[in-house]
PDB file of all heavy atoms in Angstrom:
ATOM      1  N   VAL A   1      33.050  27.104 -24.384  1.00  0.00           N
ATOM      2  CA  VAL A   1      32.034  26.552 -25.285  1.00  0.00           C
ATOM      3  C   VAL A   1      30.819  26.087 -24.494  1.00  0.00           C
ATOM      4  O   VAL A   1      29.662  26.391 -24.846  1.00  0.00           O
ATOM      5  CB  VAL A   1      32.624  25.392 -26.118  1.00  0.00           C
ATOM      6  CG1 VAL A   1      31.518  24.674 -26.895  1.00  0.00           C
ATOM      7  CG2 VAL A   1      33.680  25.910 -27.088  1.00  0.00           C
ATOM      8  N   GLY A   2      31.054  25.378 -23.417  1.00  0.00           N
ATOM      9  CA  GLY A   2      29.940  24.887 -22.600  1.00  0.00           C
ATOM     10  C   GLY A   2      29.140  26.008 -21.974  1.00  0.00           C
ATOM     11  O   GLY A   2      27.901  25.965 -21.959  1.00  0.00           O
ATOM     12  N   TRP A   3      29.837  27.033 -21.448  1.00  0.00           N
ATOM     13  CA  TRP A   3      29.150  28.153 -20.810  1.00  0.00           C
ATOM     14  C   TRP A   3      28.317  28.928 -21.818  1.00  0.00           C
ATOM     15  O   TRP A   3      27.164  29.299 -21.542  1.00  0.00           O
ATOM     16  CB  TRP A   3      30.157  29.078 -20.133  1.00  0.00           C
ATOM     17  CG  TRP A   3      29.532  30.067 -19.197  1.00  0.00           C
ATOM     18  CD1 TRP A   3      29.353  29.940 -17.850  1.00  0.00           C
ATOM     19  CD2 TRP A   3      28.982  31.358 -19.542  1.00  0.00           C
ATOM     20  NE1 TRP A   3      28.732  31.048 -17.335  1.00  0.00           N
ATOM     21  CE2 TRP A   3      28.490  31.950 -18.357  1.00  0.00           C
ATOM     22  CE3 TRP A   3      28.864  32.069 -20.734  1.00  0.00           C
ATOM     23  CZ2 TRP A   3      27.897  33.203 -18.321  1.00  0.00           C
ATOM     24  CZ3 TRP A   3      28.265  33.322 -20.720  1.00  0.00           C
ATOM     25  CH2 TRP A   3      27.792  33.876 -19.519  1.00  0.00           C
ATOM     26  N   ALA A   4      28.874  29.173 -22.988  1.00  0.00           N
ATOM     27  CA  ALA A   4      28.161  29.936 -24.023  1.00  0.00           C
ATOM     28  C   ALA A   4      26.893  29.211 -24.459  1.00  0.00           C
ATOM     29  O   ALA A   4      25.816  29.814 -24.573  1.00  0.00           O
ATOM     30  CB  ALA A   4      29.077  30.163 -25.216  1.00  0.00           C
ATOM     31  N   GLU A   5      27.005  27.909 -24.681  1.00  0.00           N
ATOM     32  CA  GLU A   5      25.838  27.135 -25.106  1.00  0.00           C
ATOM     33  C   GLU A   5      24.767  27.115 -24.023  1.00  0.00           C
ATOM     34  O   GLU A   5      23.573  27.258 -24.296  1.00  0.00           O
ATOM     35  CB  GLU A   5      26.291  25.716 -25.464  1.00  0.00           C
ATOM     36  CG  GLU A   5      25.201  24.856 -26.085  1.00  0.00           C
ATOM     37  CD  GLU A   5      24.421  24.076 -25.045  1.00  0.00           C
ATOM     38  OE1 GLU A   5      25.043  23.596 -24.083  1.00  0.00           O
ATOM     39  OE2 GLU A   5      23.187  23.971 -25.189  1.00  0.00           O
ATOM     40  N   ALA A   6      25.195  27.003 -22.768  1.00  0.00           N
ATOM     41  CA  ALA A   6      24.247  26.946 -21.658  1.00  0.00           C
ATOM     42  C   ALA A   6      23.577  28.279 -21.393  1.00  0.00           C
ATOM     43  O   ALA A   6      22.511  28.324 -20.756  1.00  0.00           O
ATOM     44  CB  ALA A   6      24.970  26.473 -20.391  1.00  0.00           C
ATOM     45  N   HIS A   7      24.165  29.372 -21.871  1.00  0.00           N
ATOM     46  CA  HIS A   7      23.617  30.704 -21.590  1.00  0.00           C
ATOM     47  C   HIS A   7      23.007  31.366 -22.830  1.00  0.00           C
ATOM     48  O   HIS A   7      22.954  32.595 -22.937  1.00  0.00           O
ATOM     49  CB  HIS A   7      24.690  31.596 -20.977  1.00  0.00           C
ATOM     50  CG  HIS A   7      25.010  31.222 -19.550  1.00  0.00           C
ATOM     51  ND1 HIS A   7      25.818  30.164 -19.235  1.00  0.00           N
ATOM     52  CD2 HIS A   7      24.599  31.764 -18.371  1.00  0.00           C
ATOM     53  CE1 HIS A   7      25.902  30.061 -17.916  1.00  0.00           C
ATOM     54  NE2 HIS A   7      25.168  31.007 -17.368  1.00  0.00           N
ATOM     55  N   GLY A   8      22.538  30.542 -23.750  1.00  0.00           N
ATOM     56  CA  GLY A   8      21.673  31.049 -24.806  1.00  0.00           C
ATOM     57  C   GLY A   8      22.330  31.471 -26.102  1.00  0.00           C
ATOM     58  O   GLY A   8      21.648  31.975 -27.002  1.00  0.00           O
ATOM     59  N   ALA A   9      23.640  31.284 -26.265  1.00  0.00           N
ATOM     60  CA  ALA A   9      24.284  31.638 -27.530  1.00  0.00           C
ATOM     61  C   ALA A   9      23.830  30.681 -28.627  1.00  0.00           C
ATOM     62  O   ALA A   9      23.806  29.464 -28.429  1.00  0.00           O
ATOM     63  CB  ALA A   9      25.800  31.588 -27.383  1.00  0.00           C
ATOM     64  N   LYS A  10      23.486  31.224 -29.777  1.00  0.00           N
ATOM     65  CA  LYS A  10      23.138  30.411 -30.935  1.00  0.00           C
ATOM     66  C   LYS A  10      24.266  30.385 -31.958  1.00  0.00           C
ATOM     67  O   LYS A  10      24.222  29.621 -32.928  1.00  0.00           O
ATOM     68  CB  LYS A  10      21.847  30.926 -31.584  1.00  0.00           C
ATOM     69  CG  LYS A  10      20.612  30.710 -30.711  1.00  0.00           C
ATOM     70  CD  LYS A  10      20.432  29.237 -30.372  1.00  0.00           C
ATOM     71  CE  LYS A  10      19.211  28.979 -29.519  1.00  0.00           C
ATOM     72  NZ  LYS A  10      19.113  27.549 -29.118  1.00  0.00           N
ATOM     73  N   VAL A  11      25.257  31.250 -31.740  1.00  0.00           N
ATOM     74  CA  VAL A  11      26.470  31.266 -32.554  1.00  0.00           C
ATOM     75  C   VAL A  11      27.639  31.419 -31.587  1.00  0.00           C
ATOM     76  O   VAL A  11      27.569  32.217 -30.649  1.00  0.00           O
ATOM     77  CB  VAL A  11      26.488  32.429 -33.570  1.00  0.00           C
ATOM     78  CG1 VAL A  11      27.710  32.345 -34.473  1.00  0.00           C
ATOM     79  CG2 VAL A  11      25.205  32.473 -34.388  1.00  0.00           C
ATOM     80  N   ILE A  12      28.702  30.644 -31.789  1.00  0.00           N
ATOM     81  CA  ILE A  12      29.920  30.799 -31.002  1.00  0.00           C
ATOM     82  C   ILE A  12      31.046  31.180 -31.942  1.00  0.00           C
ATOM     83  O   ILE A  12      31.316  30.463 -32.915  1.00  0.00           O
ATOM     84  CB  ILE A  12      30.285  29.511 -30.238  1.00  0.00           C
ATOM     85  CG1 ILE A  12      29.245  29.239 -29.140  1.00  0.00           C
ATOM     86  CG2 ILE A  12      31.681  29.604 -29.636  1.00  0.00           C
ATOM     87  CD1 ILE A  12      29.476  27.929 -28.388  1.00  0.00           C
ATOM     88  N   ASN A  13      31.669  32.317 -31.681  1.00  0.00           N
ATOM     89  CA  ASN A  13      32.811  32.772 -32.476  1.00  0.00           C
ATOM     90  C   ASN A  13      34.096  32.473 -31.718  1.00  0.00           C
ATOM     91  O   ASN A  13      34.287  32.918 -30.587  1.00  0.00           O
ATOM     92  CB  ASN A  13      32.710  34.267 -32.745  1.00  0.00           C
ATOM     93  CG  ASN A  13      33.828  34.767 -33.648  1.00  0.00           C
ATOM     94  OD1 ASN A  13      33.666  34.841 -34.868  1.00  0.00           O
ATOM     95  ND2 ASN A  13      34.975  35.114 -33.064  1.00  0.00           N
ATOM     96  N   PHE A  14      35.001  31.730 -32.379  1.00  0.00           N
ATOM     97  CA  PHE A  14      36.288  31.389 -31.775  1.00  0.00           C
ATOM     98  C   PHE A  14      37.384  31.862 -32.726  1.00  0.00           C
ATOM     99  O   PHE A  14      37.845  31.132 -33.594  1.00  0.00           O
ATOM    100  CB  PHE A  14      36.388  29.879 -31.551  1.00  0.00           C
ATOM    101  CG  PHE A  14      37.391  29.480 -30.503  1.00  0.00           C
ATOM    102  CD1 PHE A  14      37.005  29.254 -29.197  1.00  0.00           C
ATOM    103  CD2 PHE A  14      38.738  29.326 -30.830  1.00  0.00           C
ATOM    104  CE1 PHE A  14      37.929  28.883 -28.229  1.00  0.00           C
ATOM    105  CE2 PHE A  14      39.662  28.961 -29.877  1.00  0.00           C
ATOM    106  CZ  PHE A  14      39.263  28.741 -28.572  1.00  0.00           C
ATOM    107  N   SER A  15      37.786  33.127 -32.558  1.00  0.00           N
ATOM    108  CA  SER A  15      38.810  33.715 -33.423  1.00  0.00           C
ATOM    109  C   SER A  15      40.196  33.477 -32.852  1.00  0.00           C
ATOM    110  O   SER A  15      41.009  34.399 -32.716  1.00  0.00           O
ATOM    111  CB  SER A  15      38.557  35.219 -33.591  1.00  0.00           C
ATOM    112  OG  SER A  15      37.475  35.460 -34.451  1.00  0.00           O
ATOM    113  N   ALA A  16      40.475  32.243 -32.514  1.00  0.00           N
ATOM    114  CA  ALA A  16      41.760  31.874 -31.940  1.00  0.00           C
ATOM    115  C   ALA A  16      42.020  30.420 -32.295  1.00  0.00           C
ATOM    116  O   ALA A  16      41.177  29.739 -32.878  1.00  0.00           O
ATOM    117  CB  ALA A  16      41.749  32.072 -30.425  1.00  0.00           C
ATOM    118  N   VAL A  17      43.199  29.971 -31.951  1.00  0.00           N
ATOM    119  CA  VAL A  17      43.595  28.603 -32.248  1.00  0.00           C
ATOM    120  C   VAL A  17      44.144  27.965 -30.980  1.00  0.00           C
ATOM    121  O   VAL A  17      44.934  28.568 -30.264  1.00  0.00           O
ATOM    122  CB  VAL A  17      44.666  28.574 -33.354  1.00  0.00           C
ATOM    123  CG1 VAL A  17      45.270  27.181 -33.490  1.00  0.00           C
ATOM    124  CG2 VAL A  17      44.073  29.016 -34.691  1.00  0.00           C
ATOM    125  N   THR A  18      43.694  26.762 -30.703  1.00  0.00           N
ATOM    126  CA  THR A  18      44.266  25.995 -29.598  1.00  0.00           C
ATOM    127  C   THR A  18      44.554  24.587 -30.098  1.00  0.00           C
ATOM    128  O   THR A  18      44.426  24.309 -31.300  1.00  0.00           O
ATOM    129  CB  THR A  18      43.322  25.994 -28.381  1.00  0.00           C
ATOM    130  OG1 THR A  18      43.977  25.414 -27.260  1.00  0.00           O
ATOM    131  CG2 THR A  18      42.029  25.263 -28.669  1.00  0.00           C
ATOM    132  N   GLY A  19      44.969  23.696 -29.204  1.00  0.00           N
ATOM    133  CA  GLY A  19      45.360  22.365 -29.614  1.00  0.00           C
ATOM    134  C   GLY A  19      44.224  21.361 -29.560  1.00  0.00           C
ATOM    135  O   GLY A  19      43.120  21.662 -29.093  1.00  0.00           O
ATOM    136  N   PRO A  20      44.482  20.146 -30.040  1.00  0.00           N
ATOM    137  CA  PRO A  20      43.451  19.105 -30.022  1.00  0.00           C
ATOM    138  C   PRO A  20      43.198  18.594 -28.611  1.00  0.00           C
ATOM    139  O   PRO A  20      44.086  18.577 -27.768  1.00  0.00           O
ATOM    140  CB  PRO A  20      44.052  18.003 -30.899  1.00  0.00           C
ATOM    141  CG  PRO A  20      45.530  18.205 -30.790  1.00  0.00           C
ATOM    142  CD  PRO A  20      45.750  19.672 -30.650  1.00  0.00           C
ATOM    143  N   SER A  21      41.968  18.217 -28.382  1.00  0.00           N
ATOM    144  CA  SER A  21      41.575  17.718 -27.066  1.00  0.00           C
ATOM    145  C   SER A  21      40.264  16.972 -27.198  1.00  0.00           C
ATOM    146  O   SER A  21      39.322  17.463 -27.838  1.00  0.00           O
ATOM    147  CB  SER A  21      41.425  18.881 -26.081  1.00  0.00           C
ATOM    148  OG  SER A  21      40.602  18.552 -24.990  1.00  0.00           O
ATOM    149  N   GLY A  22      40.201  15.815 -26.570  1.00  0.00           N
ATOM    150  CA  GLY A  22      38.943  15.072 -26.566  1.00  0.00           C
ATOM    151  C   GLY A  22      37.839  15.846 -25.873  1.00  0.00           C
ATOM    152  O   GLY A  22      36.678  15.822 -26.306  1.00  0.00           O
ATOM    153  N   ASP A  23      38.177  16.549 -24.793  1.00  0.00           N
ATOM    154  CA  ASP A  23      37.174  17.340 -24.071  1.00  0.00           C
ATOM    155  C   ASP A  23      36.649  18.489 -24.936  1.00  0.00           C
ATOM    156  O   ASP A  23      35.453  18.799 -24.892  1.00  0.00           O
ATOM    157  CB  ASP A  23      37.769  17.899 -22.780  1.00  0.00           C
ATOM    158  CG  ASP A  23      37.990  16.827 -21.718  1.00  0.00           C
ATOM    159  OD1 ASP A  23      37.383  15.739 -21.839  1.00  0.00           O
ATOM    160  OD2 ASP A  23      38.773  17.077 -20.781  1.00  0.00           O
ATOM    161  N   LEU A  24      37.543  19.110 -25.701  1.00  0.00           N
ATOM    162  CA  LEU A  24      37.103  20.198 -26.575  1.00  0.00           C
ATOM    163  C   LEU A  24      36.197  19.674 -27.681  1.00  0.00           C
ATOM    164  O   LEU A  24      35.161  20.273 -28.001  1.00  0.00           O
ATOM    165  CB  LEU A  24      38.308  20.917 -27.182  1.00  0.00           C
ATOM    166  CG  LEU A  24      37.992  22.086 -28.121  1.00  0.00           C
ATOM    167  CD1 LEU A  24      37.193  23.158 -27.397  1.00  0.00           C
ATOM    168  CD2 LEU A  24      39.280  22.678 -28.696  1.00  0.00           C
ATOM    169  N   ILE A  25      36.568  18.538 -28.262  1.00  0.00           N
ATOM    170  CA  ILE A  25      35.718  17.935 -29.292  1.00  0.00           C
ATOM    171  C   ILE A  25      34.345  17.603 -28.729  1.00  0.00           C
ATOM    172  O   ILE A  25      33.310  17.881 -29.358  1.00  0.00           O
ATOM    173  CB  ILE A  25      36.389  16.678 -29.881  1.00  0.00           C
ATOM    174  CG1 ILE A  25      37.657  17.061 -30.644  1.00  0.00           C
ATOM    175  CG2 ILE A  25      35.422  15.918 -30.800  1.00  0.00           C
ATOM    176  CD1 ILE A  25      38.508  15.879 -31.073  1.00  0.00           C
ATOM    177  N   ASP A  26      34.311  17.052 -27.527  1.00  0.00           N
ATOM    178  CA  ASP A  26      33.028  16.714 -26.895  1.00  0.00           C
ATOM    179  C   ASP A  26      32.189  17.978 -26.650  1.00  0.00           C
ATOM    180  O   ASP A  26      30.971  17.976 -26.884  1.00  0.00           O
ATOM    181  CB  ASP A  26      33.260  15.996 -25.571  1.00  0.00           C
ATOM    182  CG  ASP A  26      33.778  14.570 -25.754  1.00  0.00           C
ATOM    183  OD1 ASP A  26      33.680  14.049 -26.885  1.00  0.00           O
ATOM    184  OD2 ASP A  26      34.288  14.001 -24.769  1.00  0.00           O
ATOM    185  N   ALA A  27      32.824  19.045 -26.171  1.00  0.00           N
ATOM    186  CA  ALA A  27      32.091  20.283 -25.881  1.00  0.00           C
ATOM    187  C   ALA A  27      31.527  20.893 -27.156  1.00  0.00           C
ATOM    188  O   ALA A  27      30.368  21.339 -27.200  1.00  0.00           O
ATOM    189  CB  ALA A  27      33.014  21.279 -25.176  1.00  0.00           C
ATOM    190  N   VAL A  28      32.339  20.900 -28.218  1.00  0.00           N
ATOM    191  CA  VAL A  28      31.880  21.447 -29.497  1.00  0.00           C
ATOM    192  C   VAL A  28      30.774  20.582 -30.082  1.00  0.00           C
ATOM    193  O   VAL A  28      29.755  21.099 -30.582  1.00  0.00           O
ATOM    194  CB  VAL A  28      33.060  21.580 -30.474  1.00  0.00           C
ATOM    195  CG1 VAL A  28      32.567  21.885 -31.894  1.00  0.00           C
ATOM    196  CG2 VAL A  28      34.014  22.678 -30.010  1.00  0.00           C
ATOM    197  N   ASP A  29      30.941  19.266 -30.034  1.00  0.00           N
ATOM    198  CA  ASP A  29      29.907  18.364 -30.555  1.00  0.00           C
ATOM    199  C   ASP A  29      28.578  18.568 -29.823  1.00  0.00           C
ATOM    200  O   ASP A  29      27.502  18.561 -30.446  1.00  0.00           O
ATOM    201  CB  ASP A  29      30.353  16.910 -30.414  1.00  0.00           C
ATOM    202  CG  ASP A  29      31.420  16.506 -31.424  1.00  0.00           C
ATOM    203  OD1 ASP A  29      31.640  17.276 -32.380  1.00  0.00           O
ATOM    204  OD2 ASP A  29      32.028  15.436 -31.245  1.00  0.00           O
ATOM    205  N   THR A  30      28.650  18.758 -28.511  1.00  0.00           N
ATOM    206  CA  THR A  30      27.433  18.981 -27.728  1.00  0.00           C
ATOM    207  C   THR A  30      26.756  20.277 -28.136  1.00  0.00           C
ATOM    208  O   THR A  30      25.516  20.324 -28.303  1.00  0.00           O
ATOM    209  CB  THR A  30      27.759  19.009 -26.225  1.00  0.00           C
ATOM    210  OG1 THR A  30      28.290  17.738 -25.833  1.00  0.00           O
ATOM    211  CG2 THR A  30      26.516  19.306 -25.399  1.00  0.00           C
ATOM    212  N   ALA A  31      27.542  21.321 -28.296  1.00  0.00           N
ATOM    213  CA  ALA A  31      26.972  22.606 -28.713  1.00  0.00           C
ATOM    214  C   ALA A  31      26.309  22.484 -30.075  1.00  0.00           C
ATOM    215  O   ALA A  31      25.187  22.979 -30.289  1.00  0.00           O
ATOM    216  CB  ALA A  31      28.066  23.672 -28.728  1.00  0.00           C
ATOM    217  N   ILE A  32      26.985  21.836 -31.017  1.00  0.00           N
ATOM    218  CA  ILE A  32      26.423  21.671 -32.365  1.00  0.00           C
ATOM    219  C   ILE A  32      25.148  20.830 -32.311  1.00  0.00           C
ATOM    220  O   ILE A  32      24.149  21.147 -32.974  1.00  0.00           O
ATOM    221  CB  ILE A  32      27.466  21.039 -33.304  1.00  0.00           C
ATOM    222  CG1 ILE A  32      28.615  22.027 -33.554  1.00  0.00           C
ATOM    223  CG2 ILE A  32      26.824  20.623 -34.630  1.00  0.00           C
ATOM    224  CD1 ILE A  32      29.788  21.444 -34.325  1.00  0.00           C
ATOM    225  N   ASP A  33      25.159  19.772 -31.511  1.00  0.00           N
ATOM    226  CA  ASP A  33      23.963  18.941 -31.366  1.00  0.00           C
ATOM    227  C   ASP A  33      22.786  19.729 -30.802  1.00  0.00           C
ATOM    228  O   ASP A  33      21.624  19.401 -31.070  1.00  0.00           O
ATOM    229  CB  ASP A  33      24.255  17.746 -30.455  1.00  0.00           C
ATOM    230  CG  ASP A  33      25.151  16.702 -31.108  1.00  0.00           C
ATOM    231  OD1 ASP A  33      25.310  16.744 -32.338  1.00  0.00           O
ATOM    232  OD2 ASP A  33      25.701  15.857 -30.374  1.00  0.00           O
ATOM    233  N   ASN A  34      23.090  20.762 -30.020  1.00  0.00           N
ATOM    234  CA  ASN A  34      22.041  21.596 -29.431  1.00  0.00           C
ATOM    235  C   ASN A  34      21.705  22.820 -30.287  1.00  0.00           C
ATOM    236  O   ASN A  34      21.055  23.743 -29.806  1.00  0.00           O
ATOM    237  CB  ASN A  34      22.459  22.032 -28.030  1.00  0.00           C
ATOM    238  CG  ASN A  34      22.421  20.885 -27.031  1.00  0.00           C
ATOM    239  OD1 ASN A  34      21.635  19.955 -27.174  1.00  0.00           O
ATOM    240  ND2 ASN A  34      23.287  20.937 -26.030  1.00  0.00           N
TER     241      ASN A  34
END
């Protein structure tokens, strides 16, 4: 998520499922904020 946002993606597709994580929430929140 962090790499995609930093390299110009305006849409991130995540066609998979993983578990909960504070770091993941932070990374997603940052991308959405940007």
